[in-house]
Amino acid sequence: MNSSLISNRYAKALIDYAESVGQDTRLYSEMRLLDENFDKVHELGKAMRNQLVSVEQRRSLLATAAGGNVSDAFSRFLDMLSE
């Protein structure tokens, strides 16, 4: 299956969930900040690809890069990705 198709399905599911719980605006802000931080902090991408960085450390890095105290929608998405 095409990886862009898979990522589109995940994104759609995440947006649908965030809208259903009224967190779509906050989630959008978190994702924009996360994107900005990936662009600005190149070490973040390196850390995410480093196999020595644990799943919990990666989750923490992503949450921090998205603003720290992230929405439930963002947190659940990280939980799903880490399983």
PDB file of N, CA and C in Angstrom:
ATOM      1  N   MET A   1       0.847  -1.179   0.000  1.00  0.00           N
ATOM      2  CA  MET A   1       0.000   0.000   0.000  1.00  0.00           C
ATOM      3  C   MET A   1       0.892   1.240   0.000  1.00  0.00           C
ATOM      4  N   ASN A   2       0.481   2.238  -0.699  1.00  0.00           N
ATOM      5  CA  ASN A   2       1.220   3.481  -0.812  1.00  0.00           C
ATOM      6  C   ASN A   2       1.316   4.177   0.548  1.00  0.00           C
ATOM      7  N   SER A   3       2.529   4.605   0.937  1.00  0.00           N
ATOM      8  CA  SER A   3       2.718   5.220   2.253  1.00  0.00           C
ATOM      9  C   SER A   3       1.955   6.536   2.391  1.00  0.00           C
ATOM     10  N   SER A   4       1.779   7.282   1.293  1.00  0.00           N
ATOM     11  CA  SER A   4       1.023   8.522   1.396  1.00  0.00           C
ATOM     12  C   SER A   4      -0.460   8.241   1.627  1.00  0.00           C
ATOM     13  N   LEU A   5      -0.953   7.134   1.105  1.00  0.00           N
ATOM     14  CA  LEU A   5      -2.335   6.741   1.346  1.00  0.00           C
ATOM     15  C   LEU A   5      -2.534   6.403   2.820  1.00  0.00           C
ATOM     16  N   ILE A   6      -1.587   5.683   3.382  1.00  0.00           N
ATOM     17  CA  ILE A   6      -1.660   5.319   4.793  1.00  0.00           C
ATOM     18  C   ILE A   6      -1.605   6.574   5.670  1.00  0.00           C
ATOM     19  N   SER A   7      -0.656   7.471   5.382  1.00  0.00           N
ATOM     20  CA  SER A   7      -0.539   8.682   6.194  1.00  0.00           C
ATOM     21  C   SER A   7      -1.788   9.548   6.062  1.00  0.00           C
ATOM     22  N   ASN A   8      -2.400   9.580   4.885  1.00  0.00           N
ATOM     23  CA  ASN A   8      -3.644  10.340   4.712  1.00  0.00           C
ATOM     24  C   ASN A   8      -4.774   9.756   5.549  1.00  0.00           C
ATOM     25  N   ARG A   9      -4.824   8.437   5.636  1.00  0.00           N
ATOM     26  CA  ARG A   9      -5.863   7.798   6.451  1.00  0.00           C
ATOM     27  C   ARG A   9      -5.671   8.102   7.933  1.00  0.00           C
ATOM     28  N   TYR A  10      -4.424   8.045   8.393  1.00  0.00           N
ATOM     29  CA  TYR A  10      -4.139   8.391   9.789  1.00  0.00           C
ATOM     30  C   TYR A  10      -4.508   9.849  10.062  1.00  0.00           C
ATOM     31  N   ALA A  11      -4.130  10.735   9.157  1.00  0.00           N
ATOM     32  CA  ALA A  11      -4.420  12.161   9.341  1.00  0.00           C
ATOM     33  C   ALA A  11      -5.920  12.403   9.377  1.00  0.00           C
ATOM     34  N   LYS A  12      -6.646  11.773   8.489  1.00  0.00           N
ATOM     35  CA  LYS A  12      -8.108  11.941   8.448  1.00  0.00           C
ATOM     36  C   LYS A  12      -8.738  11.436   9.742  1.00  0.00           C
ATOM     37  N   ALA A  13      -8.296  10.289  10.208  1.00  0.00           N
ATOM     38  CA  ALA A  13      -8.836   9.733  11.453  1.00  0.00           C
ATOM     39  C   ALA A  13      -8.527  10.656  12.631  1.00  0.00           C
ATOM     40  N   LEU A  14      -7.329  11.197  12.661  1.00  0.00           N
ATOM     41  CA  LEU A  14      -6.948  12.107  13.740  1.00  0.00           C
ATOM     42  C   LEU A  14      -7.799  13.373  13.711  1.00  0.00           C
ATOM     43  N   ILE A  15      -7.972  13.949  12.547  1.00  0.00           N
ATOM     44  CA  ILE A  15      -8.786  15.162  12.416  1.00  0.00           C
ATOM     45  C   ILE A  15     -10.239  14.873  12.805  1.00  0.00           C
ATOM     46  N   ASP A  16     -10.768  13.767  12.328  1.00  0.00           N
ATOM     47  CA  ASP A  16     -12.151  13.401  12.671  1.00  0.00           C
ATOM     48  C   ASP A  16     -12.316  13.252  14.180  1.00  0.00           C
ATOM     49  N   TYR A  17     -11.361  12.584  14.814  1.00  0.00           N
ATOM     50  CA  TYR A  17     -11.439  12.415  16.268  1.00  0.00           C
ATOM     51  C   TYR A  17     -11.361  13.764  16.972  1.00  0.00           C
ATOM     52  N   ALA A  18     -10.408  14.594  16.587  1.00  0.00           N
ATOM     53  CA  ALA A  18     -10.236  15.900  17.227  1.00  0.00           C
ATOM     54  C   ALA A  18     -11.497  16.753  17.070  1.00  0.00           C
ATOM     55  N   GLU A  19     -12.106  16.712  15.910  1.00  0.00           N
ATOM     56  CA  GLU A  19     -13.355  17.453  15.698  1.00  0.00           C
ATOM     57  C   GLU A  19     -14.470  16.918  16.588  1.00  0.00           C
ATOM     58  N   SER A  20     -14.539  15.609  16.740  1.00  0.00           N
ATOM     59  CA  SER A  20     -15.615  15.003  17.530  1.00  0.00           C
ATOM     60  C   SER A  20     -15.523  15.346  19.014  1.00  0.00           C
ATOM     61  N   VAL A  21     -14.319  15.665  19.487  1.00  0.00           N
ATOM     62  CA  VAL A  21     -14.151  16.022  20.904  1.00  0.00           C
ATOM     63  C   VAL A  21     -13.865  17.516  21.085  1.00  0.00           C
ATOM     64  N   GLY A  22     -14.017  18.285  20.015  1.00  0.00           N
ATOM     65  CA  GLY A  22     -13.860  19.731  20.101  1.00  0.00           C
ATOM     66  C   GLY A  22     -12.433  20.206  20.300  1.00  0.00           C
ATOM     67  N   GLN A  23     -11.456  19.430  19.815  1.00  0.00           N
ATOM     68  CA  GLN A  23     -10.050  19.802  19.991  1.00  0.00           C
ATOM     69  C   GLN A  23      -9.349  20.082  18.670  1.00  0.00           C
ATOM     70  N   ASP A  24     -10.115  20.267  17.601  1.00  0.00           N
ATOM     71  CA  ASP A  24      -9.505  20.428  16.287  1.00  0.00           C
ATOM     72  C   ASP A  24      -8.643  21.682  16.178  1.00  0.00           C
ATOM     73  N   THR A  25      -9.069  22.787  16.753  1.00  0.00           N
ATOM     74  CA  THR A  25      -8.279  24.022  16.687  1.00  0.00           C
ATOM     75  C   THR A  25      -6.977  23.873  17.464  1.00  0.00           C
ATOM     76  N   ARG A  26      -7.066  23.298  18.651  1.00  0.00           N
ATOM     77  CA  ARG A  26      -5.863  23.090  19.456  1.00  0.00           C
ATOM     78  C   ARG A  26      -4.915  22.110  18.776  1.00  0.00           C
ATOM     79  N   LEU A  27      -5.449  21.037  18.241  1.00  0.00           N
ATOM     80  CA  LEU A  27      -4.624  20.049  17.551  1.00  0.00           C
ATOM     81  C   LEU A  27      -3.907  20.687  16.363  1.00  0.00           C
ATOM     82  N   TYR A  28      -4.615  21.521  15.625  1.00  0.00           N
ATOM     83  CA  TYR A  28      -4.007  22.203  14.482  1.00  0.00           C
ATOM     84  C   TYR A  28      -2.816  23.045  14.944  1.00  0.00           C
ATOM     85  N   SER A  29      -2.985  23.777  16.040  1.00  0.00           N
ATOM     86  CA  SER A  29      -1.891  24.591  16.576  1.00  0.00           C
ATOM     87  C   SER A  29      -0.715  23.731  17.010  1.00  0.00           C
ATOM     88  N   GLU A  30      -0.999  22.609  17.639  1.00  0.00           N
ATOM     89  CA  GLU A  30       0.066  21.703  18.077  1.00  0.00           C
ATOM     90  C   GLU A  30       0.822  21.130  16.885  1.00  0.00           C
ATOM     91  N   MET A  31       0.102  20.743  15.863  1.00  0.00           N
ATOM     92  CA  MET A  31       0.752  20.178  14.682  1.00  0.00           C
ATOM     93  C   MET A  31       1.581  21.230  13.933  1.00  0.00           C
ATOM     94  N   ARG A  32       1.090  22.448  13.881  1.00  0.00           N
ATOM     95  CA  ARG A  32       1.870  23.521  13.239  1.00  0.00           C
ATOM     96  C   ARG A  32       3.161  23.771  14.008  1.00  0.00           C
ATOM     97  N   LEU A  33       3.077  23.812  15.344  1.00  0.00           N
ATOM     98  CA  LEU A  33       4.267  24.018  16.167  1.00  0.00           C
ATOM     99  C   LEU A  33       5.232  22.850  16.003  1.00  0.00           C
ATOM    100  N   LEU A  34       4.718  21.649  15.967  1.00  0.00           N
ATOM    101  CA  LEU A  34       5.557  20.466  15.757  1.00  0.00           C
ATOM    102  C   LEU A  34       6.282  20.561  14.419  1.00  0.00           C
ATOM    103  N   ASP A  35       5.570  20.938  13.381  1.00  0.00           N
ATOM    104  CA  ASP A  35       6.161  21.093  12.058  1.00  0.00           C
ATOM    105  C   ASP A  35       7.256  22.164  12.065  1.00  0.00           C
ATOM    106  N   GLU A  36       6.976  23.291  12.700  1.00  0.00           N
ATOM    107  CA  GLU A  36       7.969  24.364  12.796  1.00  0.00           C
ATOM    108  C   GLU A  36       9.218  23.886  13.518  1.00  0.00           C
ATOM    109  N   ASN A  37       9.030  23.129  14.592  1.00  0.00           N
ATOM    110  CA  ASN A  37      10.180  22.651  15.351  1.00  0.00           C
ATOM    111  C   ASN A  37      10.992  21.615  14.581  1.00  0.00           C
ATOM    112  N   PHE A  38      10.348  20.782  13.786  1.00  0.00           N
ATOM    113  CA  PHE A  38      11.099  19.862  12.937  1.00  0.00           C
ATOM    114  C   PHE A  38      11.935  20.633  11.920  1.00  0.00           C
ATOM    115  N   ASP A  39      11.393  21.738  11.403  1.00  0.00           N
ATOM    116  CA  ASP A  39      12.146  22.562  10.451  1.00  0.00           C
ATOM    117  C   ASP A  39      13.311  23.292  11.114  1.00  0.00           C
ATOM    118  N   LYS A  40      13.104  23.776  12.330  1.00  0.00           N
ATOM    119  CA  LYS A  40      14.116  24.580  13.019  1.00  0.00           C
ATOM    120  C   LYS A  40      15.185  23.748  13.724  1.00  0.00           C
ATOM    121  N   VAL A  41      14.780  22.647  14.303  1.00  0.00           N
ATOM    122  CA  VAL A  41      15.671  21.833  15.138  1.00  0.00           C
ATOM    123  C   VAL A  41      15.951  20.514  14.420  1.00  0.00           C
ATOM    124  N   HIS A  42      17.006  20.498  13.634  1.00  0.00           N
ATOM    125  CA  HIS A  42      17.313  19.317  12.824  1.00  0.00           C
ATOM    126  C   HIS A  42      17.656  18.104  13.688  1.00  0.00           C
ATOM    127  N   GLU A  43      18.127  18.333  14.896  1.00  0.00           N
ATOM    128  CA  GLU A  43      18.438  17.224  15.801  1.00  0.00           C
ATOM    129  C   GLU A  43      17.182  16.456  16.208  1.00  0.00           C
ATOM    130  N   LEU A  44      16.041  17.117  16.145  1.00  0.00           N
ATOM    131  CA  LEU A  44      14.786  16.450  16.491  1.00  0.00           C
ATOM    132  C   LEU A  44      14.523  15.291  15.529  1.00  0.00           C
ATOM    133  N   GLY A  45      14.686  15.532  14.258  1.00  0.00           N
ATOM    134  CA  GLY A  45      14.516  14.470  13.267  1.00  0.00           C
ATOM    135  C   GLY A  45      15.522  13.350  13.450  1.00  0.00           C
ATOM    136  N   LYS A  46      16.755  13.730  13.769  1.00  0.00           N
ATOM    137  CA  LYS A  46      17.793  12.718  14.009  1.00  0.00           C
ATOM    138  C   LYS A  46      17.437  11.858  15.218  1.00  0.00           C
ATOM    139  N   ALA A  47      16.949  12.495  16.266  1.00  0.00           N
ATOM    140  CA  ALA A  47      16.576  11.763  17.477  1.00  0.00           C
ATOM    141  C   ALA A  47      15.424  10.797  17.196  1.00  0.00           C
ATOM    142  N   MET A  48      14.485  11.221  16.359  1.00  0.00           N
ATOM    143  CA  MET A  48      13.339  10.361  16.057  1.00  0.00           C
ATOM    144  C   MET A  48      13.745   9.134  15.238  1.00  0.00           C
ATOM    145  N   ARG A  49      14.816   9.241  14.491  1.00  0.00           N
ATOM    146  CA  ARG A  49      15.297   8.110  13.679  1.00  0.00           C
ATOM    147  C   ARG A  49      16.308   7.243  14.432  1.00  0.00           C
ATOM    148  N   ASN A  50      16.799   7.724  15.564  1.00  0.00           N
ATOM    149  CA  ASN A  50      17.828   7.020  16.323  1.00  0.00           C
ATOM    150  C   ASN A  50      17.215   5.852  17.092  1.00  0.00           C
ATOM    151  N   GLN A  51      17.659   4.656  16.806  1.00  0.00           N
ATOM    152  CA  GLN A  51      17.116   3.461  17.453  1.00  0.00           C
ATOM    153  C   GLN A  51      17.489   3.370  18.927  1.00  0.00           C
ATOM    154  N   LEU A  52      18.474   4.150  19.357  1.00  0.00           N
ATOM    155  CA  LEU A  52      18.856   4.146  20.766  1.00  0.00           C
ATOM    156  C   LEU A  52      17.923   4.992  21.629  1.00  0.00           C
ATOM    157  N   VAL A  53      17.118   5.822  20.986  1.00  0.00           N
ATOM    158  CA  VAL A  53      16.139   6.644  21.700  1.00  0.00           C
ATOM    159  C   VAL A  53      14.891   5.790  21.893  1.00  0.00           C
ATOM    160  N   SER A  54      14.472   5.628  23.141  1.00  0.00           N
ATOM    161  CA  SER A  54      13.334   4.757  23.437  1.00  0.00           C
ATOM    162  C   SER A  54      12.028   5.362  22.913  1.00  0.00           C
ATOM    163  N   VAL A  55      11.031   4.526  22.821  1.00  0.00           N
ATOM    164  CA  VAL A  55       9.707   4.973  22.368  1.00  0.00           C
ATOM    165  C   VAL A  55       9.176   6.059  23.297  1.00  0.00           C
ATOM    166  N   GLU A  56       9.341   5.866  24.593  1.00  0.00           N
ATOM    167  CA  GLU A  56       8.866   6.862  25.561  1.00  0.00           C
ATOM    168  C   GLU A  56       9.616   8.184  25.411  1.00  0.00           C
ATOM    169  N   GLN A  57      10.908   8.140  25.149  1.00  0.00           N
ATOM    170  CA  GLN A  57      11.680   9.359  24.931  1.00  0.00           C
ATOM    171  C   GLN A  57      11.225  10.066  23.654  1.00  0.00           C
ATOM    172  N   ARG A  58      10.958   9.305  22.620  1.00  0.00           N
ATOM    173  CA  ARG A  58      10.469   9.894  21.362  1.00  0.00           C
ATOM    174  C   ARG A  58       9.113  10.557  21.581  1.00  0.00           C
ATOM    175  N   ARG A  59       8.248   9.875  22.306  1.00  0.00           N
ATOM    176  CA  ARG A  59       6.926  10.420  22.614  1.00  0.00           C
ATOM    177  C   ARG A  59       7.066  11.736  23.370  1.00  0.00           C
ATOM    178  N   SER A  60       7.941  11.754  24.345  1.00  0.00           N
ATOM    179  CA  SER A  60       8.177  12.963  25.127  1.00  0.00           C
ATOM    180  C   SER A  60       8.739  14.094  24.266  1.00  0.00           C
ATOM    181  N   LEU A  61       9.661  13.767  23.380  1.00  0.00           N
ATOM    182  CA  LEU A  61      10.221  14.776  22.471  1.00  0.00           C
ATOM    183  C   LEU A  61       9.144  15.371  21.569  1.00  0.00           C
ATOM    184  N   LEU A  62       8.283  14.519  21.031  1.00  0.00           N
ATOM    185  CA  LEU A  62       7.214  15.008  20.164  1.00  0.00           C
ATOM    186  C   LEU A  62       6.231  15.895  20.916  1.00  0.00           C
ATOM    187  N   ALA A  63       5.868  15.484  22.122  1.00  0.00           N
ATOM    188  CA  ALA A  63       4.946  16.293  22.925  1.00  0.00           C
ATOM    189  C   ALA A  63       5.573  17.640  23.270  1.00  0.00           C
ATOM    190  N   THR A  64       6.847  17.636  23.632  1.00  0.00           N
ATOM    191  CA  THR A  64       7.540  18.886  23.945  1.00  0.00           C
ATOM    192  C   THR A  64       7.612  19.785  22.719  1.00  0.00           C
ATOM    193  N   ALA A  65       7.925  19.210  21.580  1.00  0.00           N
ATOM    194  CA  ALA A  65       8.030  19.984  20.343  1.00  0.00           C
ATOM    195  C   ALA A  65       6.677  20.530  19.894  1.00  0.00           C
ATOM    196  N   ALA A  66       5.586  19.922  20.372  1.00  0.00           N
ATOM    197  CA  ALA A  66       4.237  20.379  20.027  1.00  0.00           C
ATOM    198  C   ALA A  66       3.686  21.353  21.062  1.00  0.00           C
ATOM    199  N   GLY A  67       4.491  21.711  22.043  1.00  0.00           N
ATOM    200  CA  GLY A  67       4.056  22.710  23.016  1.00  0.00           C
ATOM    201  C   GLY A  67       4.042  22.259  24.453  1.00  0.00           C
ATOM    202  N   GLY A  68       4.336  20.995  24.695  1.00  0.00           N
ATOM    203  CA  GLY A  68       4.432  20.520  26.079  1.00  0.00           C
ATOM    204  C   GLY A  68       3.152  19.864  26.564  1.00  0.00           C
ATOM    205  N   ASN A  69       2.241  20.632  27.082  1.00  0.00           N
ATOM    206  CA  ASN A  69       0.989  20.103  27.617  1.00  0.00           C
ATOM    207  C   ASN A  69       0.003  19.942  26.459  1.00  0.00           C
ATOM    208  N   VAL A  70       0.081  18.812  25.770  1.00  0.00           N
ATOM    209  CA  VAL A  70      -0.674  18.622  24.530  1.00  0.00           C
ATOM    210  C   VAL A  70      -2.102  18.167  24.804  1.00  0.00           C
ATOM    211  N   SER A  71      -2.938  18.337  23.804  1.00  0.00           N
ATOM    212  CA  SER A  71      -4.343  17.939  23.890  1.00  0.00           C
ATOM    213  C   SER A  71      -4.471  16.425  24.007  1.00  0.00           C
ATOM    214  N   ASP A  72      -5.638  16.017  24.443  1.00  0.00           N
ATOM    215  CA  ASP A  72      -5.931  14.589  24.527  1.00  0.00           C
ATOM    216  C   ASP A  72      -5.852  13.947  23.144  1.00  0.00           C
ATOM    217  N   ALA A  73      -6.314  14.644  22.125  1.00  0.00           N
ATOM    218  CA  ALA A  73      -6.274  14.108  20.759  1.00  0.00           C
ATOM    219  C   ALA A  73      -4.833  13.850  20.331  1.00  0.00           C
ATOM    220  N   PHE A  74      -3.940  14.797  20.598  1.00  0.00           N
ATOM    221  CA  PHE A  74      -2.534  14.628  20.239  1.00  0.00           C
ATOM    222  C   PHE A  74      -1.914  13.497  21.047  1.00  0.00           C
ATOM    223  N   SER A  75      -2.204  13.449  22.324  1.00  0.00           N
ATOM    224  CA  SER A  75      -1.659  12.415  23.199  1.00  0.00           C
ATOM    225  C   SER A  75      -2.124  11.027  22.771  1.00  0.00           C
ATOM    226  N   ARG A  76      -3.383  10.888  22.437  1.00  0.00           N
ATOM    227  CA  ARG A  76      -3.908   9.591  21.982  1.00  0.00           C
ATOM    228  C   ARG A  76      -3.269   9.178  20.659  1.00  0.00           C
ATOM    229  N   PHE A  77      -3.023  10.155  19.805  1.00  0.00           N
ATOM    230  CA  PHE A  77      -2.371   9.860  18.535  1.00  0.00           C
ATOM    231  C   PHE A  77      -0.958   9.344  18.786  1.00  0.00           C
ATOM    232  N   LEU A  78      -0.224   9.961  19.709  1.00  0.00           N
ATOM    233  CA  LEU A  78       1.109   9.475  20.053  1.00  0.00           C
ATOM    234  C   LEU A  78       1.043   8.074  20.626  1.00  0.00           C
ATOM    235  N   ASP A  79       0.038   7.822  21.466  1.00  0.00           N
ATOM    236  CA  ASP A  79      -0.136   6.479  22.026  1.00  0.00           C
ATOM    237  C   ASP A  79      -0.327   5.443  20.919  1.00  0.00           C
ATOM    238  N   MET A  80      -1.179   5.778  19.940  1.00  0.00           N
ATOM    239  CA  MET A  80      -1.452   4.857  18.855  1.00  0.00           C
ATOM    240  C   MET A  80      -0.194   4.597  18.025  1.00  0.00           C
ATOM    241  N   LEU A  81       0.564   5.647  17.750  1.00  0.00           N
ATOM    242  CA  LEU A  81       1.780   5.493  16.948  1.00  0.00           C
ATOM    243  C   LEU A  81       2.835   4.656  17.662  1.00  0.00           C
ATOM    244  N   SER A  82       2.852   4.733  18.977  1.00  0.00           N
ATOM    245  CA  SER A  82       3.894   4.031  19.725  1.00  0.00           C
ATOM    246  C   SER A  82       3.549   2.565  19.979  1.00  0.00           C
ATOM    247  N   GLU A  83       2.358   2.135  19.634  1.00  0.00           N
ATOM    248  CA  GLU A  83       1.982   0.716  19.836  1.00  0.00           C
ATOM    249  C   GLU A  83       2.485  -0.151  18.712  1.00  0.00           C
TER     250      GLU A  83
END
